[in-house]
Amino acid sequence: MTGDGGDDGSEWDFFVSYTRADEDWAKWVASRLEDAGHRVMLRAWDVVPGMHLPERMLAAMARSKRTVAMLSPKYVASKMCTAQWQAAWRSDPLGRNRRLLPLRVVDFTPPEPFSKIVCTDLFEIDEATATARLAATVDAALTGSARPSVTPPFPGPTAEEDSGPRFPGPRVLSLAWPRNPHFTGREEELSQLRARLLDQRVTTVRPQAVRP
């Protein structure tokens, strides 16, 4: 989706910068951005035979509002990709306009300056979660805020829970299993066990066991 350019003279809303190893990720991200109505520049789609590659990349860096960096070890090692993300970062080094949006597609520790830029992780999650996370990232970058549109759920006890302080240990569940009609005998042992468990005078934990 190329469009006619923005009011600020930009030709694209997003320039998706990537290395060849991460082209599938770049295509997926670019497709989701275009589905949301954004103008996207992607080398795989917008650099065709007959075009001058360096000039086209310079145009993408200069006439895109934001650069999406598909962050991976191979990306940070690429000289071409370094020139692309640095162009966005140098124009907004403090991130006030969110010109550089890093998306980690591999679990690794990125170097400076990415270690100081808030990144979004897309790896090791399903597509629905990745789509929602990408949309939230774009919305936050455009608005400068990640405030939710609905009130967050109340973190306290629900109506089904006790409103008083809870014991800071494992929760004990009461499992109402029906009595086994084939289990007979041992009335005396079971009566003793029941009496011990219900003895209110006992204030310490005393394990009880029934041997076969």
N, C-alpha and C. Protein backbone atom coordinates (compact mmCIF):
# COMPACT_ATOMS: atom_id res chain seq x y z
N MET A 1 0.86 -1.19 0.00
CA MET A 1 0.00 0.00 0.00
C MET A 1 0.89 1.23 0.00
N THR A 2 0.89 1.96 -1.08
CA THR A 2 1.79 3.11 -1.18
C THR A 2 1.10 4.42 -0.82
N GLY A 3 -0.10 4.67 -1.27
CA GLY A 3 -0.79 5.91 -0.92
C GLY A 3 -0.20 7.11 -1.61
N ASP A 4 -0.69 8.28 -1.21
CA ASP A 4 -0.26 9.54 -1.82
C ASP A 4 0.66 10.34 -0.92
N GLY A 5 1.07 9.73 0.19
CA GLY A 5 1.96 10.46 1.08
C GLY A 5 1.18 11.19 2.15
N GLY A 6 1.88 11.52 3.24
CA GLY A 6 1.23 12.21 4.34
C GLY A 6 1.33 13.71 4.22
N ASP A 7 0.65 14.39 5.16
CA ASP A 7 0.67 15.85 5.17
C ASP A 7 2.06 16.40 5.47
N ASP A 8 2.91 15.60 6.12
CA ASP A 8 4.25 16.07 6.47
C ASP A 8 5.26 15.77 5.37
N GLY A 9 4.79 15.31 4.20
CA GLY A 9 5.68 15.02 3.10
C GLY A 9 6.18 13.60 3.09
N SER A 10 5.80 12.80 4.08
CA SER A 10 6.25 11.41 4.12
C SER A 10 5.50 10.59 3.08
N GLU A 11 6.14 9.59 2.57
CA GLU A 11 5.52 8.72 1.58
C GLU A 11 4.98 7.45 2.22
N TRP A 12 5.61 7.03 3.35
CA TRP A 12 5.18 5.83 4.04
C TRP A 12 5.04 6.09 5.54
N ASP A 13 4.13 5.36 6.15
CA ASP A 13 3.99 5.41 7.61
C ASP A 13 5.08 4.59 8.28
N PHE A 14 5.41 3.44 7.68
CA PHE A 14 6.40 2.55 8.26
C PHE A 14 7.34 2.02 7.19
N PHE A 15 8.61 2.03 7.51
CA PHE A 15 9.63 1.37 6.71
C PHE A 15 10.08 0.15 7.50
N VAL A 16 9.80 -1.05 6.99
CA VAL A 16 10.17 -2.28 7.67
C VAL A 16 11.58 -2.66 7.26
N SER A 17 12.51 -2.54 8.18
CA SER A 17 13.92 -2.82 7.94
C SER A 17 14.24 -4.23 8.44
N TYR A 18 14.90 -5.02 7.60
CA TYR A 18 15.16 -6.41 7.96
C TYR A 18 16.34 -6.95 7.18
N THR A 19 16.86 -8.06 7.65
CA THR A 19 17.87 -8.78 6.91
C THR A 19 17.23 -9.98 6.22
N ARG A 20 17.88 -10.52 5.24
CA ARG A 20 17.30 -11.60 4.43
C ARG A 20 16.86 -12.78 5.29
N ALA A 21 17.60 -13.07 6.36
CA ALA A 21 17.27 -14.21 7.21
C ALA A 21 15.93 -14.06 7.89
N ASP A 22 15.46 -12.83 8.05
CA ASP A 22 14.20 -12.56 8.74
C ASP A 22 13.12 -12.03 7.80
N GLU A 23 13.25 -12.33 6.50
CA GLU A 23 12.30 -11.78 5.52
C GLU A 23 10.88 -12.26 5.77
N ASP A 24 10.71 -13.50 6.19
CA ASP A 24 9.35 -13.99 6.47
C ASP A 24 8.69 -13.19 7.58
N TRP A 25 9.45 -12.89 8.64
CA TRP A 25 8.93 -12.06 9.71
C TRP A 25 8.57 -10.67 9.18
N ALA A 26 9.43 -10.10 8.35
CA ALA A 26 9.19 -8.76 7.81
C ALA A 26 7.93 -8.72 6.96
N LYS A 27 7.74 -9.74 6.14
CA LYS A 27 6.53 -9.79 5.31
C LYS A 27 5.27 -9.91 6.17
N TRP A 28 5.36 -10.72 7.21
CA TRP A 28 4.20 -10.88 8.09
C TRP A 28 3.85 -9.57 8.78
N VAL A 29 4.85 -8.89 9.31
CA VAL A 29 4.62 -7.61 9.99
C VAL A 29 4.08 -6.57 9.00
N ALA A 30 4.68 -6.49 7.81
CA ALA A 30 4.22 -5.53 6.81
C ALA A 30 2.78 -5.80 6.41
N SER A 31 2.42 -7.05 6.28
CA SER A 31 1.06 -7.41 5.91
C SER A 31 0.07 -6.98 6.99
N ARG A 32 0.43 -7.21 8.27
CA ARG A 32 -0.46 -6.81 9.36
C ARG A 32 -0.60 -5.29 9.42
N LEU A 33 0.48 -4.58 9.16
CA LEU A 33 0.41 -3.11 9.17
C LEU A 33 -0.48 -2.60 8.04
N GLU A 34 -0.35 -3.20 6.87
CA GLU A 34 -1.20 -2.78 5.75
C GLU A 34 -2.66 -3.13 6.00
N ASP A 35 -2.90 -4.27 6.64
CA ASP A 35 -4.28 -4.63 6.98
C ASP A 35 -4.91 -3.60 7.89
N ALA A 36 -4.08 -2.95 8.71
CA ALA A 36 -4.58 -1.92 9.63
C ALA A 36 -4.69 -0.55 8.95
N GLY A 37 -4.37 -0.48 7.65
CA GLY A 37 -4.53 0.76 6.90
C GLY A 37 -3.31 1.65 6.83
N HIS A 38 -2.16 1.15 7.23
CA HIS A 38 -0.94 1.95 7.20
C HIS A 38 -0.21 1.80 5.86
N ARG A 39 0.53 2.84 5.48
CA ARG A 39 1.35 2.81 4.27
C ARG A 39 2.71 2.26 4.64
N VAL A 40 3.09 1.16 4.00
CA VAL A 40 4.29 0.42 4.40
C VAL A 40 5.26 0.32 3.24
N MET A 41 6.56 0.48 3.54
CA MET A 41 7.61 0.28 2.57
C MET A 41 8.38 -0.98 2.96
N LEU A 42 8.40 -1.97 2.09
CA LEU A 42 9.10 -3.21 2.31
C LEU A 42 9.94 -3.52 1.09
N ARG A 43 11.21 -3.78 1.30
CA ARG A 43 12.11 -4.02 0.17
C ARG A 43 11.62 -5.16 -0.72
N ALA A 44 11.13 -6.24 -0.12
CA ALA A 44 10.71 -7.41 -0.91
C ALA A 44 9.57 -7.09 -1.86
N TRP A 45 8.78 -6.08 -1.53
CA TRP A 45 7.61 -5.73 -2.34
C TRP A 45 7.80 -4.45 -3.15
N ASP A 46 8.60 -3.54 -2.65
CA ASP A 46 8.67 -2.20 -3.24
C ASP A 46 9.98 -1.88 -3.94
N VAL A 47 10.85 -2.87 -4.04
CA VAL A 47 12.07 -2.71 -4.85
C VAL A 47 12.02 -3.78 -5.94
N VAL A 48 11.72 -3.34 -7.16
CA VAL A 48 11.51 -4.27 -8.27
C VAL A 48 12.62 -4.10 -9.31
N PRO A 49 12.74 -5.05 -10.24
CA PRO A 49 13.78 -4.95 -11.28
C PRO A 49 13.72 -3.61 -12.01
N GLY A 50 14.89 -3.03 -12.21
CA GLY A 50 14.99 -1.74 -12.89
C GLY A 50 15.19 -0.58 -11.93
N MET A 51 14.88 -0.78 -10.65
CA MET A 51 15.06 0.28 -9.66
C MET A 51 16.50 0.32 -9.17
N HIS A 52 16.91 1.48 -8.69
CA HIS A 52 18.24 1.67 -8.11
C HIS A 52 18.13 1.40 -6.61
N LEU A 53 18.68 0.28 -6.14
CA LEU A 53 18.51 -0.16 -4.76
C LEU A 53 18.98 0.87 -3.73
N PRO A 54 20.21 1.39 -3.82
CA PRO A 54 20.64 2.36 -2.81
C PRO A 54 19.73 3.59 -2.75
N GLU A 55 19.32 4.10 -3.92
CA GLU A 55 18.44 5.27 -3.92
C GLU A 55 17.11 4.96 -3.28
N ARG A 56 16.58 3.76 -3.56
CA ARG A 56 15.30 3.36 -3.01
C ARG A 56 15.37 3.23 -1.49
N MET A 57 16.48 2.70 -0.96
CA MET A 57 16.65 2.57 0.48
C MET A 57 16.81 3.94 1.14
N LEU A 58 17.52 4.83 0.48
CA LEU A 58 17.66 6.18 1.02
C LEU A 58 16.31 6.88 1.07
N ALA A 59 15.49 6.66 0.05
CA ALA A 59 14.15 7.25 0.04
C ALA A 59 13.31 6.68 1.18
N ALA A 60 13.43 5.37 1.42
CA ALA A 60 12.68 4.75 2.51
C ALA A 60 13.07 5.33 3.86
N MET A 61 14.36 5.55 4.06
CA MET A 61 14.83 6.11 5.33
C MET A 61 14.41 7.57 5.50
N ALA A 62 14.40 8.31 4.40
CA ALA A 62 14.13 9.74 4.48
C ALA A 62 12.65 10.06 4.48
N ARG A 63 11.84 9.23 3.82
CA ARG A 63 10.43 9.58 3.63
C ARG A 63 9.46 8.63 4.33
N SER A 64 9.95 7.98 5.39
CA SER A 64 9.09 7.15 6.23
C SER A 64 8.98 7.77 7.61
N LYS A 65 7.78 7.79 8.15
CA LYS A 65 7.59 8.38 9.47
C LYS A 65 8.30 7.58 10.55
N ARG A 66 8.26 6.25 10.42
CA ARG A 66 8.86 5.39 11.43
C ARG A 66 9.54 4.20 10.77
N THR A 67 10.56 3.69 11.43
CA THR A 67 11.27 2.51 10.95
C THR A 67 11.04 1.37 11.93
N VAL A 68 10.57 0.25 11.40
CA VAL A 68 10.39 -0.97 12.20
C VAL A 68 11.61 -1.84 11.97
N ALA A 69 12.34 -2.12 13.03
CA ALA A 69 13.56 -2.94 12.93
C ALA A 69 13.25 -4.36 13.36
N MET A 70 13.41 -5.31 12.45
CA MET A 70 13.21 -6.72 12.76
C MET A 70 14.48 -7.24 13.43
N LEU A 71 14.50 -7.17 14.73
CA LEU A 71 15.72 -7.32 15.52
C LEU A 71 16.12 -8.79 15.71
N SER A 72 17.35 -9.09 15.30
CA SER A 72 17.93 -10.42 15.46
C SER A 72 19.45 -10.27 15.43
N PRO A 73 20.19 -11.29 15.82
CA PRO A 73 21.66 -11.17 15.76
C PRO A 73 22.17 -10.83 14.37
N LYS A 74 21.59 -11.42 13.33
CA LYS A 74 22.03 -11.14 11.98
C LYS A 74 21.66 -9.71 11.57
N TYR A 75 20.57 -9.20 12.12
CA TYR A 75 20.18 -7.82 11.79
C TYR A 75 21.20 -6.83 12.33
N VAL A 76 21.57 -6.99 13.60
CA VAL A 76 22.51 -6.02 14.19
C VAL A 76 23.91 -6.17 13.59
N ALA A 77 24.19 -7.31 12.95
CA ALA A 77 25.50 -7.51 12.31
C ALA A 77 25.54 -6.99 10.88
N SER A 78 24.39 -6.66 10.31
CA SER A 78 24.31 -6.21 8.92
C SER A 78 24.65 -4.72 8.81
N LYS A 79 25.57 -4.37 7.92
CA LYS A 79 25.95 -2.98 7.72
C LYS A 79 24.80 -2.19 7.10
N MET A 80 24.09 -2.80 6.14
CA MET A 80 22.98 -2.10 5.51
C MET A 80 21.85 -1.82 6.50
N CYS A 81 21.53 -2.83 7.31
CA CYS A 81 20.48 -2.64 8.31
C CYS A 81 20.90 -1.63 9.37
N THR A 82 22.18 -1.63 9.72
CA THR A 82 22.67 -0.66 10.70
C THR A 82 22.47 0.76 10.20
N ALA A 83 22.76 0.99 8.93
CA ALA A 83 22.55 2.33 8.36
C ALA A 83 21.07 2.71 8.40
N GLN A 84 20.19 1.73 8.22
CA GLN A 84 18.76 2.02 8.19
C GLN A 84 18.22 2.37 9.57
N TRP A 85 18.55 1.55 10.59
CA TRP A 85 18.01 1.87 11.91
C TRP A 85 18.69 3.09 12.51
N GLN A 86 19.96 3.32 12.17
CA GLN A 86 20.64 4.50 12.70
C GLN A 86 20.04 5.79 12.17
N ALA A 87 19.55 5.76 10.93
CA ALA A 87 18.93 6.96 10.37
C ALA A 87 17.70 7.36 11.19
N ALA A 88 16.91 6.38 11.59
CA ALA A 88 15.72 6.68 12.41
C ALA A 88 16.12 7.05 13.83
N TRP A 89 17.10 6.37 14.38
CA TRP A 89 17.51 6.64 15.76
C TRP A 89 18.17 8.01 15.91
N ARG A 90 19.01 8.37 14.95
CA ARG A 90 19.68 9.67 15.04
C ARG A 90 18.72 10.83 14.90
N SER A 91 17.62 10.61 14.20
CA SER A 91 16.63 11.68 14.07
C SER A 91 15.76 11.81 15.32
N ASP A 92 15.83 10.81 16.21
CA ASP A 92 15.01 10.82 17.42
C ASP A 92 15.71 10.00 18.50
N PRO A 93 16.89 10.42 18.96
CA PRO A 93 17.71 9.59 19.86
C PRO A 93 17.06 9.32 21.21
N LEU A 94 16.18 10.20 21.68
CA LEU A 94 15.53 9.99 22.96
C LEU A 94 14.18 9.30 22.84
N GLY A 95 13.78 8.99 21.62
CA GLY A 95 12.54 8.27 21.41
C GLY A 95 11.27 9.05 21.68
N ARG A 96 11.35 10.37 21.66
CA ARG A 96 10.15 11.17 21.95
C ARG A 96 9.08 11.04 20.87
N ASN A 97 9.51 10.79 19.65
CA ASN A 97 8.56 10.64 18.54
C ASN A 97 8.41 9.18 18.09
N ARG A 98 9.08 8.29 18.80
CA ARG A 98 9.00 6.85 18.51
C ARG A 98 9.29 6.57 17.04
N ARG A 99 10.40 7.13 16.56
CA ARG A 99 10.77 6.94 15.15
C ARG A 99 11.32 5.54 14.87
N LEU A 100 11.91 4.89 15.89
CA LEU A 100 12.49 3.57 15.73
C LEU A 100 11.73 2.58 16.62
N LEU A 101 11.13 1.56 15.98
CA LEU A 101 10.35 0.55 16.70
C LEU A 101 11.02 -0.81 16.54
N PRO A 102 11.77 -1.28 17.52
CA PRO A 102 12.43 -2.59 17.41
C PRO A 102 11.46 -3.72 17.77
N LEU A 103 11.43 -4.75 16.93
CA LEU A 103 10.65 -5.95 17.19
C LEU A 103 11.62 -7.12 17.25
N ARG A 104 11.76 -7.72 18.41
CA ARG A 104 12.67 -8.86 18.52
C ARG A 104 11.99 -10.12 17.97
N VAL A 105 12.64 -10.75 17.03
CA VAL A 105 12.09 -11.98 16.44
C VAL A 105 12.90 -13.21 16.86
N VAL A 106 13.96 -12.99 17.63
CA VAL A 106 14.80 -14.05 18.16
C VAL A 106 15.14 -13.70 19.61
N ASP A 107 15.22 -14.71 20.44
CA ASP A 107 15.55 -14.48 21.84
C ASP A 107 17.06 -14.26 21.97
N PHE A 108 17.46 -13.00 22.11
CA PHE A 108 18.87 -12.66 22.31
C PHE A 108 18.95 -11.31 22.98
N THR A 109 20.13 -10.97 23.47
CA THR A 109 20.34 -9.68 24.14
C THR A 109 20.89 -8.69 23.13
N PRO A 110 20.10 -7.70 22.72
CA PRO A 110 20.57 -6.74 21.71
C PRO A 110 21.58 -5.76 22.30
N PRO A 111 22.46 -5.25 21.46
CA PRO A 111 23.48 -4.30 21.94
C PRO A 111 22.91 -2.89 22.04
N GLU A 112 23.76 -1.97 22.43
CA GLU A 112 23.38 -0.55 22.43
C GLU A 112 23.08 -0.11 21.00
N PRO A 113 22.15 0.80 20.79
CA PRO A 113 21.29 1.44 21.79
C PRO A 113 20.00 0.68 22.06
N PHE A 114 19.83 -0.50 21.44
CA PHE A 114 18.58 -1.23 21.59
C PHE A 114 18.32 -1.66 23.02
N SER A 115 19.39 -1.86 23.80
CA SER A 115 19.20 -2.27 25.18
C SER A 115 18.51 -1.19 26.01
N LYS A 116 18.49 0.04 25.50
CA LYS A 116 17.83 1.14 26.21
C LYS A 116 16.52 1.56 25.55
N ILE A 117 16.15 0.87 24.49
CA ILE A 117 14.90 1.17 23.80
C ILE A 117 13.89 0.07 24.12
N VAL A 118 12.68 0.45 24.42
CA VAL A 118 11.65 -0.54 24.72
C VAL A 118 11.35 -1.34 23.45
N CYS A 119 11.57 -2.65 23.51
CA CYS A 119 11.34 -3.53 22.37
C CYS A 119 10.08 -4.36 22.57
N THR A 120 9.56 -4.87 21.47
CA THR A 120 8.43 -5.78 21.51
C THR A 120 8.90 -7.15 21.03
N ASP A 121 8.58 -8.18 21.80
CA ASP A 121 8.99 -9.54 21.45
C ASP A 121 7.87 -10.25 20.69
N LEU A 122 8.22 -10.85 19.56
CA LEU A 122 7.24 -11.59 18.77
C LEU A 122 7.54 -13.08 18.71
N PHE A 123 8.65 -13.51 19.27
CA PHE A 123 9.05 -14.91 19.17
C PHE A 123 8.38 -15.74 20.27
N GLU A 124 8.24 -17.04 19.98
CA GLU A 124 7.73 -18.04 20.92
C GLU A 124 6.33 -17.73 21.44
N ILE A 125 5.49 -17.13 20.59
CA ILE A 125 4.09 -16.92 20.91
C ILE A 125 3.27 -17.28 19.68
N ASP A 126 1.97 -17.51 19.86
CA ASP A 126 1.16 -17.88 18.71
C ASP A 126 0.81 -16.64 17.89
N GLU A 127 0.24 -16.85 16.70
CA GLU A 127 -0.01 -15.74 15.79
C GLU A 127 -1.02 -14.75 16.34
N ALA A 128 -2.06 -15.23 17.02
CA ALA A 128 -3.06 -14.32 17.57
C ALA A 128 -2.44 -13.40 18.61
N THR A 129 -1.59 -13.95 19.47
CA THR A 129 -0.92 -13.13 20.48
C THR A 129 0.04 -12.15 19.83
N ALA A 130 0.78 -12.61 18.80
CA ALA A 130 1.71 -11.73 18.11
C ALA A 130 0.98 -10.60 17.41
N THR A 131 -0.16 -10.90 16.80
CA THR A 131 -0.95 -9.87 16.11
C THR A 131 -1.44 -8.82 17.10
N ALA A 132 -1.95 -9.27 18.23
CA ALA A 132 -2.42 -8.32 19.25
C ALA A 132 -1.28 -7.50 19.81
N ARG A 133 -0.13 -8.14 20.02
CA ARG A 133 1.02 -7.42 20.57
C ARG A 133 1.56 -6.39 19.58
N LEU A 134 1.57 -6.73 18.29
CA LEU A 134 2.01 -5.78 17.28
C LEU A 134 1.06 -4.60 17.19
N ALA A 135 -0.24 -4.87 17.21
CA ALA A 135 -1.23 -3.79 17.15
C ALA A 135 -1.09 -2.86 18.35
N ALA A 136 -0.88 -3.43 19.55
CA ALA A 136 -0.72 -2.60 20.74
C ALA A 136 0.55 -1.76 20.66
N THR A 137 1.61 -2.33 20.09
CA THR A 137 2.86 -1.59 19.93
C THR A 137 2.68 -0.40 19.00
N VAL A 138 2.00 -0.63 17.88
CA VAL A 138 1.78 0.45 16.92
C VAL A 138 0.90 1.54 17.52
N ASP A 139 -0.17 1.15 18.19
CA ASP A 139 -1.06 2.14 18.81
C ASP A 139 -0.31 2.98 19.84
N ALA A 140 0.51 2.32 20.65
CA ALA A 140 1.27 3.05 21.67
C ALA A 140 2.28 4.00 21.03
N ALA A 141 2.90 3.57 19.93
CA ALA A 141 3.87 4.42 19.25
C ALA A 141 3.19 5.64 18.63
N LEU A 142 2.01 5.44 18.08
CA LEU A 142 1.31 6.55 17.43
C LEU A 142 0.76 7.56 18.44
N THR A 143 0.28 7.05 19.59
CA THR A 143 -0.35 7.93 20.57
C THR A 143 0.58 8.38 21.68
N GLY A 144 1.67 7.63 21.87
CA GLY A 144 2.57 7.96 22.97
C GLY A 144 2.07 7.49 24.31
N SER A 145 1.10 6.59 24.31
CA SER A 145 0.53 6.09 25.55
C SER A 145 0.06 4.66 25.36
N ALA A 146 0.16 3.86 26.43
CA ALA A 146 -0.32 2.48 26.40
C ALA A 146 -1.50 2.28 27.33
N ARG A 147 -2.22 3.38 27.61
CA ARG A 147 -3.40 3.28 28.49
C ARG A 147 -4.48 2.44 27.84
N PRO A 148 -5.09 1.53 28.59
CA PRO A 148 -6.14 0.68 28.00
C PRO A 148 -7.42 1.47 27.76
N SER A 149 -8.22 0.99 26.81
CA SER A 149 -9.49 1.64 26.50
C SER A 149 -10.60 1.22 27.45
N VAL A 150 -10.37 0.15 28.21
CA VAL A 150 -11.35 -0.32 29.19
C VAL A 150 -10.67 -0.38 30.55
N THR A 151 -11.48 -0.36 31.60
CA THR A 151 -10.95 -0.42 32.95
C THR A 151 -10.31 -1.77 33.23
N PRO A 152 -9.09 -1.79 33.73
CA PRO A 152 -8.46 -3.07 34.06
C PRO A 152 -9.25 -3.82 35.11
N PRO A 153 -9.20 -5.15 35.12
CA PRO A 153 -9.94 -5.93 36.11
C PRO A 153 -9.45 -5.67 37.52
N PHE A 154 -10.37 -5.71 38.47
CA PHE A 154 -10.05 -5.49 39.88
C PHE A 154 -9.14 -6.61 40.37
N PRO A 155 -7.97 -6.29 40.94
CA PRO A 155 -7.02 -7.33 41.34
C PRO A 155 -7.32 -7.98 42.68
N GLY A 156 -8.37 -7.52 43.38
CA GLY A 156 -8.70 -8.07 44.68
C GLY A 156 -9.54 -9.33 44.58
N PRO A 157 -10.05 -9.80 45.72
CA PRO A 157 -10.85 -11.03 45.72
C PRO A 157 -12.17 -10.84 44.98
N THR A 158 -12.63 -11.88 44.33
CA THR A 158 -13.91 -11.84 43.64
C THR A 158 -15.01 -12.17 44.62
N ALA A 159 -16.24 -12.14 44.11
CA ALA A 159 -17.38 -12.41 44.98
C ALA A 159 -17.34 -13.83 45.53
N GLU A 160 -16.71 -14.75 44.81
CA GLU A 160 -16.64 -16.13 45.24
C GLU A 160 -15.55 -16.37 46.26
N GLU A 161 -14.68 -15.40 46.47
CA GLU A 161 -13.56 -15.58 47.36
C GLU A 161 -13.80 -14.88 48.69
N ASP A 162 -13.11 -15.34 49.72
CA ASP A 162 -13.19 -14.72 51.03
C ASP A 162 -12.55 -13.34 50.97
N SER A 163 -13.24 -12.35 51.52
CA SER A 163 -12.72 -10.98 51.47
C SER A 163 -11.66 -10.72 52.53
N GLY A 164 -11.47 -11.65 53.47
CA GLY A 164 -10.48 -11.47 54.51
C GLY A 164 -9.09 -11.86 54.05
N PRO A 165 -8.11 -11.70 54.94
CA PRO A 165 -6.74 -12.07 54.59
C PRO A 165 -6.64 -13.56 54.28
N ARG A 166 -5.85 -13.90 53.30
CA ARG A 166 -5.67 -15.29 52.90
C ARG A 166 -4.38 -15.85 53.48
N PHE A 167 -4.43 -17.12 53.83
CA PHE A 167 -3.24 -17.80 54.32
C PHE A 167 -2.19 -17.85 53.21
N PRO A 168 -0.97 -17.40 53.52
CA PRO A 168 0.06 -17.34 52.46
C PRO A 168 0.70 -18.69 52.16
N GLY A 169 -0.12 -19.65 51.84
CA GLY A 169 0.39 -20.98 51.51
C GLY A 169 -0.46 -21.59 50.43
N PRO A 170 -0.29 -22.86 50.15
CA PRO A 170 -1.06 -23.50 49.08
C PRO A 170 -2.54 -23.55 49.43
N ARG A 171 -3.39 -23.38 48.42
CA ARG A 171 -4.83 -23.45 48.60
C ARG A 171 -5.25 -24.92 48.73
N VAL A 172 -6.19 -25.18 49.64
CA VAL A 172 -6.69 -26.53 49.86
C VAL A 172 -8.06 -26.65 49.24
N LEU A 173 -8.22 -27.59 48.38
CA LEU A 173 -9.50 -27.81 47.71
C LEU A 173 -10.26 -28.92 48.39
N SER A 174 -11.57 -28.74 48.47
CA SER A 174 -12.43 -29.78 49.02
C SER A 174 -13.03 -30.55 47.86
N LEU A 175 -12.63 -31.81 47.72
CA LEU A 175 -13.10 -32.64 46.63
C LEU A 175 -14.22 -33.54 47.13
N ALA A 176 -15.45 -33.28 46.71
CA ALA A 176 -16.61 -34.03 47.17
C ALA A 176 -16.78 -35.30 46.34
N TRP A 177 -15.95 -36.31 46.63
CA TRP A 177 -16.05 -37.57 45.90
C TRP A 177 -17.16 -38.43 46.50
N PRO A 178 -17.97 -39.10 45.70
CA PRO A 178 -18.99 -40.00 46.25
C PRO A 178 -18.35 -41.21 46.90
N ARG A 179 -19.01 -41.71 47.93
CA ARG A 179 -18.45 -42.86 48.66
C ARG A 179 -18.50 -44.10 47.78
N ASN A 180 -17.42 -44.87 47.84
CA ASN A 180 -17.34 -46.10 47.07
C ASN A 180 -18.18 -47.18 47.75
N PRO A 181 -19.25 -47.66 47.10
CA PRO A 181 -20.13 -48.66 47.74
C PRO A 181 -19.45 -50.00 47.94
N HIS A 182 -18.34 -50.24 47.26
CA HIS A 182 -17.63 -51.50 47.38
C HIS A 182 -16.61 -51.49 48.52
N PHE A 183 -16.42 -50.29 49.12
CA PHE A 183 -15.47 -50.19 50.24
C PHE A 183 -16.25 -50.42 51.53
N THR A 184 -16.06 -51.58 52.16
CA THR A 184 -16.79 -51.94 53.38
C THR A 184 -15.81 -52.30 54.48
N GLY A 185 -16.36 -52.34 55.68
CA GLY A 185 -15.52 -52.67 56.82
C GLY A 185 -14.74 -51.47 57.33
N ARG A 186 -13.91 -51.71 58.35
CA ARG A 186 -13.05 -50.68 58.97
C ARG A 186 -13.87 -49.52 59.57
N GLU A 187 -15.09 -49.84 60.01
CA GLU A 187 -15.90 -48.78 60.59
C GLU A 187 -15.22 -48.16 61.81
N GLU A 188 -14.60 -49.03 62.63
CA GLU A 188 -13.95 -48.53 63.84
C GLU A 188 -12.76 -47.64 63.50
N GLU A 189 -11.92 -48.07 62.51
CA GLU A 189 -10.75 -47.27 62.14
C GLU A 189 -11.18 -45.93 61.53
N LEU A 190 -12.21 -45.95 60.68
CA LEU A 190 -12.67 -44.71 60.06
C LEU A 190 -13.28 -43.77 61.09
N SER A 191 -13.96 -44.31 62.08
CA SER A 191 -14.53 -43.46 63.13
C SER A 191 -13.44 -42.78 63.93
N GLN A 192 -12.37 -43.54 64.23
CA GLN A 192 -11.23 -42.95 64.95
C GLN A 192 -10.56 -41.86 64.11
N LEU A 193 -10.40 -42.13 62.82
CA LEU A 193 -9.78 -41.13 61.94
C LEU A 193 -10.62 -39.86 61.87
N ARG A 194 -11.92 -40.02 61.76
CA ARG A 194 -12.81 -38.85 61.71
C ARG A 194 -12.74 -38.05 62.99
N ALA A 195 -12.72 -38.75 64.13
CA ALA A 195 -12.66 -38.06 65.41
C ALA A 195 -11.36 -37.28 65.56
N ARG A 196 -10.26 -37.85 65.10
CA ARG A 196 -8.97 -37.16 65.19
C ARG A 196 -8.94 -35.92 64.30
N LEU A 197 -9.51 -36.03 63.10
CA LEU A 197 -9.50 -34.89 62.18
C LEU A 197 -10.39 -33.75 62.65
N LEU A 198 -11.44 -34.09 63.38
CA LEU A 198 -12.39 -33.06 63.83
C LEU A 198 -12.12 -32.61 65.26
N ASP A 199 -11.07 -33.10 65.88
CA ASP A 199 -10.77 -32.75 67.26
C ASP A 199 -10.33 -31.29 67.33
N GLN A 200 -11.16 -30.43 67.93
CA GLN A 200 -10.87 -29.00 68.01
C GLN A 200 -9.76 -28.69 69.00
N ARG A 201 -9.44 -29.64 69.86
CA ARG A 201 -8.40 -29.39 70.86
C ARG A 201 -7.00 -29.45 70.25
N VAL A 202 -6.90 -30.07 69.09
CA VAL A 202 -5.60 -30.21 68.45
C VAL A 202 -5.26 -28.92 67.71
N THR A 203 -4.17 -28.30 68.05
CA THR A 203 -3.75 -27.03 67.42
C THR A 203 -2.55 -27.18 66.51
N THR A 204 -1.98 -28.38 66.48
CA THR A 204 -0.84 -28.62 65.59
C THR A 204 -1.24 -29.60 64.50
N VAL A 205 -0.48 -29.59 63.43
CA VAL A 205 -0.75 -30.49 62.32
C VAL A 205 -0.25 -31.88 62.66
N ARG A 206 -1.16 -32.87 62.63
CA ARG A 206 -0.78 -34.25 62.93
C ARG A 206 -1.17 -35.11 61.72
N PRO A 207 -0.20 -35.62 61.00
CA PRO A 207 -0.53 -36.45 59.83
C PRO A 207 -1.29 -37.70 60.25
N GLN A 208 -2.25 -38.08 59.42
CA GLN A 208 -3.03 -39.29 59.65
C GLN A 208 -2.88 -40.17 58.43
N ALA A 209 -2.85 -41.48 58.65
CA ALA A 209 -2.67 -42.41 57.54
C ALA A 209 -3.48 -43.66 57.80
N VAL A 210 -3.93 -44.26 56.70
CA VAL A 210 -4.65 -45.53 56.76
C VAL A 210 -3.87 -46.54 55.95
N ARG A 211 -3.46 -47.62 56.59
CA ARG A 211 -2.70 -48.65 55.87
C ARG A 211 -3.62 -49.72 55.31
N PRO A 212 -3.30 -50.28 54.14
CA PRO A 212 -4.12 -51.34 53.58
C PRO A 212 -4.01 -52.62 54.39
